[in-house]
């Protein structure tokens, strides 16, 4: 029922949350409407559960998610450190955004090491976040880095589990933690 409320563009945006669906859009054989529907339904299910199975709040959250994905150009984020990013058919504007994002994320990762490495017994990718080494940060850089890494972890979980796992494990390593190096609360 929630899927029927979404526009065609919103359905595609929700389906693109699936890393395997996103990759399939670059294949010679494009994903069909059925594959799009399944990928979108998985994302809808996640939101429905997160919103305590409340229809109206789930619908609103889904629309917010679509806007967030468009506004932060998650598709561009996924290509940041890909060697073969030219296969993704980015526009000139997206290439410019990609170059800007690459600098921002690289600078932020120099201030706080974060890495997706390994899996738990349920094939959930593990994202390790180590203590920050510098306080100063741009809100956009901080946000993009968090989005980039959580998307990488979710993609790893999805690929390793063949679509059965949509969760990740985040490990916060507090060795050498200094509160003075924490980013501002506004981020």
C-alpha atoms as a PDB file:
ATOM      1  CA  UNK A   1       0.000   0.000   0.000  1.00  0.00           C
ATOM      2  CA  UNK A   2       2.843   2.419   0.822  1.00  0.00           C
ATOM      3  CA  UNK A   3       4.490   1.676  -2.506  1.00  0.00           C
ATOM      4  CA  UNK A   4       1.323   2.774  -4.314  1.00  0.00           C
ATOM      5  CA  UNK A   5       1.570   6.181  -2.597  1.00  0.00           C
ATOM      6  CA  UNK A   6       5.003   6.835  -4.068  1.00  0.00           C
ATOM      7  CA  UNK A   7       5.609   8.529  -7.411  1.00  0.00           C
ATOM      8  CA  UNK A   8       7.599   6.741 -10.124  1.00  0.00           C
ATOM      9  CA  UNK A   9      10.635   8.880  -9.289  1.00  0.00           C
ATOM     10  CA  UNK A  10      10.302   8.150  -5.572  1.00  0.00           C
ATOM     11  CA  UNK A  11      10.034   4.396  -6.261  1.00  0.00           C
ATOM     12  CA  UNK A  12      13.230   4.560  -8.288  1.00  0.00           C
ATOM     13  CA  UNK A  13      14.953   6.579  -5.553  1.00  0.00           C
ATOM     14  CA  UNK A  14      13.927   4.007  -2.931  1.00  0.00           C
ATOM     15  CA  UNK A  15      15.071   1.136  -5.141  1.00  0.00           C
ATOM     16  CA  UNK A  16      18.432   2.847  -5.600  1.00  0.00           C
ATOM     17  CA  UNK A  17      19.040   2.470  -1.862  1.00  0.00           C
ATOM     18  CA  UNK A  18      19.892  -1.128  -2.766  1.00  0.00           C
ATOM     19  CA  UNK A  19      23.531  -1.269  -3.839  1.00  0.00           C
ATOM     20  CA  UNK A  20      22.930  -4.284  -6.077  1.00  0.00           C
ATOM     21  CA  UNK A  21      19.978  -2.566  -7.769  1.00  0.00           C
ATOM     22  CA  UNK A  22      22.076   0.560  -8.243  1.00  0.00           C
ATOM     23  CA  UNK A  23      24.883  -1.472  -9.844  1.00  0.00           C
ATOM     24  CA  UNK A  24      22.359  -3.295 -12.034  1.00  0.00           C
ATOM     25  CA  UNK A  25      21.237   0.035 -13.512  1.00  0.00           C
ATOM     26  CA  UNK A  26      24.640   0.225 -15.225  1.00  0.00           C
ATOM     27  CA  UNK A  27      24.425  -3.244 -16.793  1.00  0.00           C
ATOM     28  CA  UNK A  28      23.599  -3.737 -20.434  1.00  0.00           C
ATOM     29  CA  UNK A  29      20.439  -5.502 -19.302  1.00  0.00           C
ATOM     30  CA  UNK A  30      18.597  -2.906 -17.234  1.00  0.00           C
ATOM     31  CA  UNK A  31      16.663  -4.017 -14.145  1.00  0.00           C
ATOM     32  CA  UNK A  32      12.978  -4.489 -14.842  1.00  0.00           C
ATOM     33  CA  UNK A  33      10.005  -3.045 -12.987  1.00  0.00           C
ATOM     34  CA  UNK A  34       9.809  -6.180 -10.808  1.00  0.00           C
ATOM     35  CA  UNK A  35      13.386  -5.798  -9.587  1.00  0.00           C
ATOM     36  CA  UNK A  36      12.748  -2.112  -8.903  1.00  0.00           C
ATOM     37  CA  UNK A  37       9.607  -2.972  -6.963  1.00  0.00           C
ATOM     38  CA  UNK A  38      11.403  -5.571  -4.801  1.00  0.00           C
ATOM     39  CA  UNK A  39      14.256  -3.195  -4.011  1.00  0.00           C
ATOM     40  CA  UNK A  40      11.832  -0.380  -3.146  1.00  0.00           C
ATOM     41  CA  UNK A  41       9.739  -2.704  -0.966  1.00  0.00           C
ATOM     42  CA  UNK A  42      12.833  -3.669   1.056  1.00  0.00           C
ATOM     43  CA  UNK A  43      13.494  -0.022   1.807  1.00  0.00           C
ATOM     44  CA  UNK A  44       9.834   0.600   2.615  1.00  0.00           C
ATOM     45  CA  UNK A  45       9.879  -2.363   5.034  1.00  0.00           C
ATOM     46  CA  UNK A  46      12.916  -0.944   6.852  1.00  0.00           C
ATOM     47  CA  UNK A  47      11.215   2.418   7.244  1.00  0.00           C
ATOM     48  CA  UNK A  48       7.900   0.853   8.277  1.00  0.00           C
ATOM     49  CA  UNK A  49       9.580  -1.083  11.084  1.00  0.00           C
ATOM     50  CA  UNK A  50      11.647   1.940  12.148  1.00  0.00           C
ATOM     51  CA  UNK A  51       8.470   4.035  12.375  1.00  0.00           C
ATOM     52  CA  UNK A  52       6.754   1.435  14.612  1.00  0.00           C
ATOM     53  CA  UNK A  53       4.458   0.371  11.764  1.00  0.00           C
ATOM     54  CA  UNK A  54       2.745   3.756  11.597  1.00  0.00           C
ATOM     55  CA  UNK A  55       1.553   4.344   8.052  1.00  0.00           C
ATOM     56  CA  UNK A  56       1.539   8.156   7.943  1.00  0.00           C
ATOM     57  CA  UNK A  57       4.885   8.652   9.650  1.00  0.00           C
ATOM     58  CA  UNK A  58       6.422   5.962   7.425  1.00  0.00           C
ATOM     59  CA  UNK A  59       5.144   7.714   4.303  1.00  0.00           C
ATOM     60  CA  UNK A  60       6.561  11.039   5.479  1.00  0.00           C
ATOM     61  CA  UNK A  61       9.913   9.445   6.394  1.00  0.00           C
ATOM     62  CA  UNK A  62      10.115   7.746   2.983  1.00  0.00           C
ATOM     63  CA  UNK A  63       9.590  11.082   1.246  1.00  0.00           C
ATOM     64  CA  UNK A  64      12.209  12.704   3.477  1.00  0.00           C
ATOM     65  CA  UNK A  65      14.609   9.893   2.623  1.00  0.00           C
ATOM     66  CA  UNK A  66      14.074  10.434  -1.095  1.00  0.00           C
ATOM     67  CA  UNK A  67      14.801  14.157  -0.665  1.00  0.00           C
ATOM     68  CA  UNK A  68      17.897  13.412   1.429  1.00  0.00           C
ATOM     69  CA  UNK A  69      19.215  10.997  -1.181  1.00  0.00           C
ATOM     70  CA  UNK A  70      18.683  13.561  -3.945  1.00  0.00           C
ATOM     71  CA  UNK A  71      20.016  16.525  -1.952  1.00  0.00           C
ATOM     72  CA  UNK A  72      23.171  14.700  -0.890  1.00  0.00           C
ATOM     73  CA  UNK A  73      23.514  12.980  -4.247  1.00  0.00           C
ATOM     74  CA  UNK A  74      24.106   9.559  -2.747  1.00  0.00           C
ATOM     75  CA  UNK A  75      24.734   8.207  -6.243  1.00  0.00           C
ATOM     76  CA  UNK A  76      27.722  10.521  -6.548  1.00  0.00           C
ATOM     77  CA  UNK A  77      28.923   9.546  -3.060  1.00  0.00           C
ATOM     78  CA  UNK A  78      28.977   5.894  -4.107  1.00  0.00           C
ATOM     79  CA  UNK A  79      31.444   6.701  -6.889  1.00  0.00           C
ATOM     80  CA  UNK A  80      33.866   8.761  -4.777  1.00  0.00           C
ATOM     81  CA  UNK A  81      36.758   6.353  -4.637  1.00  0.00           C
ATOM     82  CA  UNK A  82      35.819   3.989  -7.477  1.00  0.00           C
ATOM     83  CA  UNK A  83      38.616   3.447  -9.982  1.00  0.00           C
ATOM     84  CA  UNK A  84      36.207   3.012 -12.870  1.00  0.00           C
ATOM     85  CA  UNK A  85      33.782   5.824 -12.048  1.00  0.00           C
ATOM     86  CA  UNK A  86      33.430   6.746 -15.734  1.00  0.00           C
ATOM     87  CA  UNK A  87      31.168   3.706 -16.179  1.00  0.00           C
ATOM     88  CA  UNK A  88      28.534   5.407 -14.032  1.00  0.00           C
ATOM     89  CA  UNK A  89      27.735   8.016 -16.671  1.00  0.00           C
ATOM     90  CA  UNK A  90      27.993  11.028 -14.391  1.00  0.00           C
ATOM     91  CA  UNK A  91      27.018  14.394 -15.838  1.00  0.00           C
ATOM     92  CA  UNK A  92      29.457  17.322 -15.851  1.00  0.00           C
ATOM     93  CA  UNK A  93      27.663  18.740 -12.812  1.00  0.00           C
ATOM     94  CA  UNK A  94      27.884  15.398 -10.976  1.00  0.00           C
ATOM     95  CA  UNK A  95      31.593  15.130 -11.814  1.00  0.00           C
ATOM     96  CA  UNK A  96      32.169  18.577 -10.291  1.00  0.00           C
ATOM     97  CA  UNK A  97      30.208  17.568  -7.177  1.00  0.00           C
ATOM     98  CA  UNK A  98      32.181  14.307  -7.039  1.00  0.00           C
ATOM     99  CA  UNK A  99      35.503  16.174  -7.094  1.00  0.00           C
ATOM    100  CA  UNK A 100      34.325  18.498  -4.300  1.00  0.00           C
ATOM    101  CA  UNK A 101      32.977  15.600  -2.210  1.00  0.00           C
ATOM    102  CA  UNK A 102      36.180  13.618  -2.693  1.00  0.00           C
ATOM    103  CA  UNK A 103      38.218  16.441  -1.158  1.00  0.00           C
ATOM    104  CA  UNK A 104      35.763  16.949   1.722  1.00  0.00           C
ATOM    105  CA  UNK A 105      35.546  13.251   2.606  1.00  0.00           C
ATOM    106  CA  UNK A 106      39.318  12.730   2.297  1.00  0.00           C
ATOM    107  CA  UNK A 107      39.986  15.677   4.608  1.00  0.00           C
ATOM    108  CA  UNK A 108      37.425  14.427   7.124  1.00  0.00           C
ATOM    109  CA  UNK A 109      38.867  10.897   7.067  1.00  0.00           C
ATOM    110  CA  UNK A 110      42.276  12.411   7.857  1.00  0.00           C
ATOM    111  CA  UNK A 111      40.721  13.804  11.065  1.00  0.00           C
ATOM    112  CA  UNK A 112      39.005  10.568  12.087  1.00  0.00           C
ATOM    113  CA  UNK A 113      39.906   7.178  10.701  1.00  0.00           C
ATOM    114  CA  UNK A 114      36.870   5.095   9.814  1.00  0.00           C
ATOM    115  CA  UNK A 115      36.888   1.839   7.926  1.00  0.00           C
ATOM    116  CA  UNK A 116      34.463  -0.886   6.886  1.00  0.00           C
ATOM    117  CA  UNK A 117      36.237  -4.132   7.636  1.00  0.00           C
ATOM    118  CA  UNK A 118      35.005  -7.656   8.216  1.00  0.00           C
ATOM    119  CA  UNK A 119      31.617  -9.162   9.030  1.00  0.00           C
ATOM    120  CA  UNK A 120      29.921 -10.649  12.054  1.00  0.00           C
ATOM    121  CA  UNK A 121      28.262 -14.096  12.094  1.00  0.00           C
ATOM    122  CA  UNK A 122      25.080 -12.738  10.500  1.00  0.00           C
ATOM    123  CA  UNK A 123      27.010 -11.182   7.583  1.00  0.00           C
ATOM    124  CA  UNK A 124      26.636  -7.637   8.868  1.00  0.00           C
ATOM    125  CA  UNK A 125      29.520  -5.433   7.791  1.00  0.00           C
ATOM    126  CA  UNK A 126      31.502  -3.868  10.622  1.00  0.00           C
ATOM    127  CA  UNK A 127      32.218  -0.139  10.509  1.00  0.00           C
ATOM    128  CA  UNK A 128      35.042   0.896  12.835  1.00  0.00           C
ATOM    129  CA  UNK A 129      35.170   4.542  13.895  1.00  0.00           C
ATOM    130  CA  UNK A 130      38.356   5.532  15.688  1.00  0.00           C
ATOM    131  CA  UNK A 131      38.955   8.606  17.848  1.00  0.00           C
ATOM    132  CA  UNK A 132      39.236  11.970  16.127  1.00  0.00           C
ATOM    133  CA  UNK A 133      42.632  13.609  15.831  1.00  0.00           C
ATOM    134  CA  UNK A 134      41.374  17.121  15.004  1.00  0.00           C
ATOM    135  CA  UNK A 135      38.317  19.038  16.120  1.00  0.00           C
ATOM    136  CA  UNK A 136      37.736  21.434  13.260  1.00  0.00           C
ATOM    137  CA  UNK A 137      35.354  20.220  10.611  1.00  0.00           C
ATOM    138  CA  UNK A 138      32.872  21.471   8.100  1.00  0.00           C
ATOM    139  CA  UNK A 139      29.335  20.295   8.732  1.00  0.00           C
ATOM    140  CA  UNK A 140      28.973  19.222   5.085  1.00  0.00           C
ATOM    141  CA  UNK A 141      32.238  17.249   5.191  1.00  0.00           C
ATOM    142  CA  UNK A 142      31.242  15.521   8.413  1.00  0.00           C
ATOM    143  CA  UNK A 143      27.760  14.648   7.121  1.00  0.00           C
ATOM    144  CA  UNK A 144      29.004  13.409   3.746  1.00  0.00           C
ATOM    145  CA  UNK A 145      31.638  11.225   5.391  1.00  0.00           C
ATOM    146  CA  UNK A 146      29.080   9.624   7.701  1.00  0.00           C
ATOM    147  CA  UNK A 147      26.702   9.025   4.765  1.00  0.00           C
ATOM    148  CA  UNK A 148      29.498   7.648   2.583  1.00  0.00           C
ATOM    149  CA  UNK A 149      30.718   5.173   5.189  1.00  0.00           C
ATOM    150  CA  UNK A 150      27.326   3.938   6.331  1.00  0.00           C
ATOM    151  CA  UNK A 151      26.367   3.430   2.675  1.00  0.00           C
ATOM    152  CA  UNK A 152      29.602   1.470   2.100  1.00  0.00           C
ATOM    153  CA  UNK A 153      28.869  -0.701   5.133  1.00  0.00           C
ATOM    154  CA  UNK A 154      25.260  -1.287   4.059  1.00  0.00           C
ATOM    155  CA  UNK A 155      26.443  -2.178   0.551  1.00  0.00           C
ATOM    156  CA  UNK A 156      28.972  -4.648   1.947  1.00  0.00           C
ATOM    157  CA  UNK A 157      26.308  -6.293   4.116  1.00  0.00           C
ATOM    158  CA  UNK A 158      23.916  -6.515   1.179  1.00  0.00           C
ATOM    159  CA  UNK A 159      26.481  -7.999  -1.203  1.00  0.00           C
ATOM    160  CA  UNK A 160      27.963 -10.556   1.216  1.00  0.00           C
ATOM    161  CA  UNK A 161      24.551 -11.734   2.421  1.00  0.00           C
ATOM    162  CA  UNK A 162      23.091 -11.710  -1.107  1.00  0.00           C
ATOM    163  CA  UNK A 163      20.427  -9.229  -0.096  1.00  0.00           C
ATOM    164  CA  UNK A 164      19.353 -10.961   3.102  1.00  0.00           C
ATOM    165  CA  UNK A 165      21.075  -8.558   5.491  1.00  0.00           C
ATOM    166  CA  UNK A 166      20.301  -4.861   5.742  1.00  0.00           C
ATOM    167  CA  UNK A 167      22.034  -4.082   9.012  1.00  0.00           C
ATOM    168  CA  UNK A 168      25.555  -3.007   9.914  1.00  0.00           C
ATOM    169  CA  UNK A 169      27.563  -3.080  13.118  1.00  0.00           C
ATOM    170  CA  UNK A 170      29.279   0.131  14.202  1.00  0.00           C
ATOM    171  CA  UNK A 171      32.223  -0.143  16.577  1.00  0.00           C
ATOM    172  CA  UNK A 172      33.271   3.079  18.281  1.00  0.00           C
ATOM    173  CA  UNK A 173      36.895   2.803  19.364  1.00  0.00           C
ATOM    174  CA  UNK A 174      37.491   5.191  22.262  1.00  0.00           C
ATOM    175  CA  UNK A 175      41.240   4.640  22.673  1.00  0.00           C
ATOM    176  CA  UNK A 176      42.845   8.065  23.033  1.00  0.00           C
ATOM    177  CA  UNK A 177      39.422   9.721  23.045  1.00  0.00           C
ATOM    178  CA  UNK A 178      39.497  13.410  23.909  1.00  0.00           C
ATOM    179  CA  UNK A 179      36.238  15.271  24.276  1.00  0.00           C
ATOM    180  CA  UNK A 180      37.998  18.424  23.114  1.00  0.00           C
ATOM    181  CA  UNK A 181      38.407  16.821  19.671  1.00  0.00           C
ATOM    182  CA  UNK A 182      34.709  16.061  19.251  1.00  0.00           C
ATOM    183  CA  UNK A 183      33.019  17.858  16.377  1.00  0.00           C
ATOM    184  CA  UNK A 184      30.536  20.596  17.302  1.00  0.00           C
ATOM    185  CA  UNK A 185      27.082  19.390  18.358  1.00  0.00           C
ATOM    186  CA  UNK A 186      25.567  21.107  15.315  1.00  0.00           C
ATOM    187  CA  UNK A 187      27.117  18.423  13.129  1.00  0.00           C
END
